[in-house]
Every structure is written in structure tokens, then in C-alpha cells.
């Protein structure tokens, strides 16, 4: 089944630009957005979960890495706000 959608100029230009950057037609780019909307959060995270399990990293080690990154980002943002 084929249907037609109407986009205003701004939305069409944005879709056409993004499609060109990805090497797609505007139609195939919009189709990929619709297809991506059908993916569940669990499906999206599945490869991440598998890679984490395969890495051998423990949850505690991951917590440590995340906490260190948070601290670094916080410190960086405080330095910027003082300038």
C-alpha cells in the first residue's frame, strides 16, 4: 500500500538535508524513522546488555566508571560557571 503525506517546507527541507547526509532519499529516511519508532526499549538495549555481559565487567565496576564520569562532568561544569 502506498500513501502520501504532506510536509511543510521547513520539515521537508530538514528531512531532505538529513537524508542527504545519510545517503538516503527523503522517503527512505522518513521510512527509517517510522521503522525505528516500532523498536521497543528492550530491543534497543539488547545489544548493549549482551556486550556488557560479554565484557566481564561487574555492575560495581560499571558503577565506579559512571560515578567517576559524573564527578568529572560536574567538576568541569563548575569550572566553566566560575569563569
C-alpha atoms as a PDB file:
ATOM      1  CA  UNK A   1       0.000   0.000   0.000  1.00  0.00           C
ATOM      2  CA  UNK A   2       1.284   3.451  -0.856  1.00  0.00           C
ATOM      3  CA  UNK A   3       0.175   6.641   0.841  1.00  0.00           C
ATOM      4  CA  UNK A   4       1.122  10.266   0.518  1.00  0.00           C
ATOM      5  CA  UNK A   5       1.998  12.588   3.361  1.00  0.00           C
ATOM      6  CA  UNK A   6       2.284  16.353   3.168  1.00  0.00           C
ATOM      7  CA  UNK A   7       5.086  18.208   4.903  1.00  0.00           C
ATOM      8  CA  UNK A   8       5.507  21.947   5.193  1.00  0.00           C
ATOM      9  CA  UNK A   9       8.614  23.392   3.528  1.00  0.00           C
ATOM     10  CA  UNK A  10      10.627  23.557   6.741  1.00  0.00           C
ATOM     11  CA  UNK A  11      10.034  19.911   7.620  1.00  0.00           C
ATOM     12  CA  UNK A  12      10.652  18.726   4.075  1.00  0.00           C
ATOM     13  CA  UNK A  13      13.942  20.657   3.867  1.00  0.00           C
ATOM     14  CA  UNK A  14      15.051  19.226   7.220  1.00  0.00           C
ATOM     15  CA  UNK A  15      14.176  15.682   6.128  1.00  0.00           C
ATOM     16  CA  UNK A  16      15.852  16.146   2.753  1.00  0.00           C
ATOM     17  CA  UNK A  17      19.030  17.510   4.352  1.00  0.00           C
ATOM     18  CA  UNK A  18      19.269  14.694   6.896  1.00  0.00           C
ATOM     19  CA  UNK A  19      18.513  12.116   4.191  1.00  0.00           C
ATOM     20  CA  UNK A  20      21.287  13.529   2.000  1.00  0.00           C
ATOM     21  CA  UNK A  21      23.731  13.388   4.935  1.00  0.00           C
ATOM     22  CA  UNK A  22      22.851   9.718   5.402  1.00  0.00           C
ATOM     23  CA  UNK A  23      22.969   8.923   1.683  1.00  0.00           C
ATOM     24  CA  UNK A  24      19.238   8.244   1.525  1.00  0.00           C
ATOM     25  CA  UNK A  25      16.233   9.652  -0.253  1.00  0.00           C
ATOM     26  CA  UNK A  26      13.839  11.723   1.854  1.00  0.00           C
ATOM     27  CA  UNK A  27      11.283   8.927   1.502  1.00  0.00           C
ATOM     28  CA  UNK A  28      13.628   6.202   2.740  1.00  0.00           C
ATOM     29  CA  UNK A  29      14.821   8.449   5.589  1.00  0.00           C
ATOM     30  CA  UNK A  30      11.238   9.032   6.765  1.00  0.00           C
ATOM     31  CA  UNK A  31      10.515   5.300   6.430  1.00  0.00           C
ATOM     32  CA  UNK A  32      13.528   4.572   8.665  1.00  0.00           C
ATOM     33  CA  UNK A  33      12.169   6.978  11.297  1.00  0.00           C
ATOM     34  CA  UNK A  34       8.830   5.179  11.265  1.00  0.00           C
ATOM     35  CA  UNK A  35      10.549   1.790  11.491  1.00  0.00           C
ATOM     36  CA  UNK A  36      12.676   3.000  14.402  1.00  0.00           C
ATOM     37  CA  UNK A  37       9.543   4.095  16.248  1.00  0.00           C
ATOM     38  CA  UNK A  38       8.423   0.442  16.321  1.00  0.00           C
ATOM     39  CA  UNK A  39      11.511  -0.686  18.235  1.00  0.00           C
ATOM     40  CA  UNK A  40      10.979  -1.263  21.943  1.00  0.00           C
ATOM     41  CA  UNK A  41      13.392  -0.007  24.563  1.00  0.00           C
ATOM     42  CA  UNK A  42      14.283  -3.620  25.397  1.00  0.00           C
ATOM     43  CA  UNK A  43      15.117  -4.310  21.741  1.00  0.00           C
ATOM     44  CA  UNK A  44      17.257  -1.193  21.619  1.00  0.00           C
ATOM     45  CA  UNK A  45      19.172  -2.138  24.763  1.00  0.00           C
ATOM     46  CA  UNK A  46      19.625  -5.810  23.883  1.00  0.00           C
ATOM     47  CA  UNK A  47      22.986  -5.337  22.093  1.00  0.00           C
ATOM     48  CA  UNK A  48      24.239  -3.170  24.969  1.00  0.00           C
ATOM     49  CA  UNK A  49      23.242  -5.776  27.540  1.00  0.00           C
ATOM     50  CA  UNK A  50      24.921  -8.554  25.537  1.00  0.00           C
ATOM     51  CA  UNK A  51      28.123  -6.542  25.115  1.00  0.00           C
ATOM     52  CA  UNK A  52      28.155  -5.733  28.834  1.00  0.00           C
ATOM     53  CA  UNK A  53      27.704  -9.394  29.762  1.00  0.00           C
ATOM     54  CA  UNK A  54      30.424 -10.419  27.304  1.00  0.00           C
ATOM     55  CA  UNK A  55      32.849  -7.779  28.636  1.00  0.00           C
ATOM     56  CA  UNK A  56      33.106  -9.431  32.025  1.00  0.00           C
ATOM     57  CA  UNK A  57      32.740  -6.078  33.756  1.00  0.00           C
ATOM     58  CA  UNK A  58      30.856  -6.263  37.036  1.00  0.00           C
ATOM     59  CA  UNK A  59      27.997  -3.952  37.936  1.00  0.00           C
ATOM     60  CA  UNK A  60      30.131  -2.465  40.701  1.00  0.00           C
ATOM     61  CA  UNK A  61      32.906  -1.686  38.215  1.00  0.00           C
ATOM     62  CA  UNK A  62      30.392  -0.053  35.888  1.00  0.00           C
ATOM     63  CA  UNK A  63      29.014   1.982  38.802  1.00  0.00           C
ATOM     64  CA  UNK A  64      32.541   3.185  39.570  1.00  0.00           C
ATOM     65  CA  UNK A  65      33.147   4.240  35.953  1.00  0.00           C
ATOM     66  CA  UNK A  66      29.815   6.076  35.780  1.00  0.00           C
ATOM     67  CA  UNK A  67      30.399   7.815  39.116  1.00  0.00           C
ATOM     68  CA  UNK A  68      33.872   8.955  38.078  1.00  0.00           C
ATOM     69  CA  UNK A  69      32.475  10.305  34.800  1.00  0.00           C
ATOM     70  CA  UNK A  70      29.714  12.152  36.674  1.00  0.00           C
ATOM     71  CA  UNK A  71      32.256  13.704  39.021  1.00  0.00           C
ATOM     72  CA  UNK A  72      34.437  14.807  36.121  1.00  0.00           C
ATOM     73  CA  UNK A  73      31.488  16.363  34.278  1.00  0.00           C
ATOM     74  CA  UNK A  74      30.316  18.117  37.450  1.00  0.00           C
ATOM     75  CA  UNK A  75      33.804  19.486  38.122  1.00  0.00           C
ATOM     76  CA  UNK A  76      34.123  20.670  34.523  1.00  0.00           C
ATOM     77  CA  UNK A  77      30.746  22.442  34.616  1.00  0.00           C
ATOM     78  CA  UNK A  78      31.639  24.137  37.927  1.00  0.00           C
ATOM     79  CA  UNK A  79      34.917  25.391  36.430  1.00  0.00           C
ATOM     80  CA  UNK A  80      33.056  26.812  33.433  1.00  0.00           C
ATOM     81  CA  UNK A  81      30.449  28.532  35.605  1.00  0.00           C
ATOM     82  CA  UNK A  82      33.182  30.269  37.622  1.00  0.00           C
ATOM     83  CA  UNK A  83      34.678  31.895  34.529  1.00  0.00           C
END
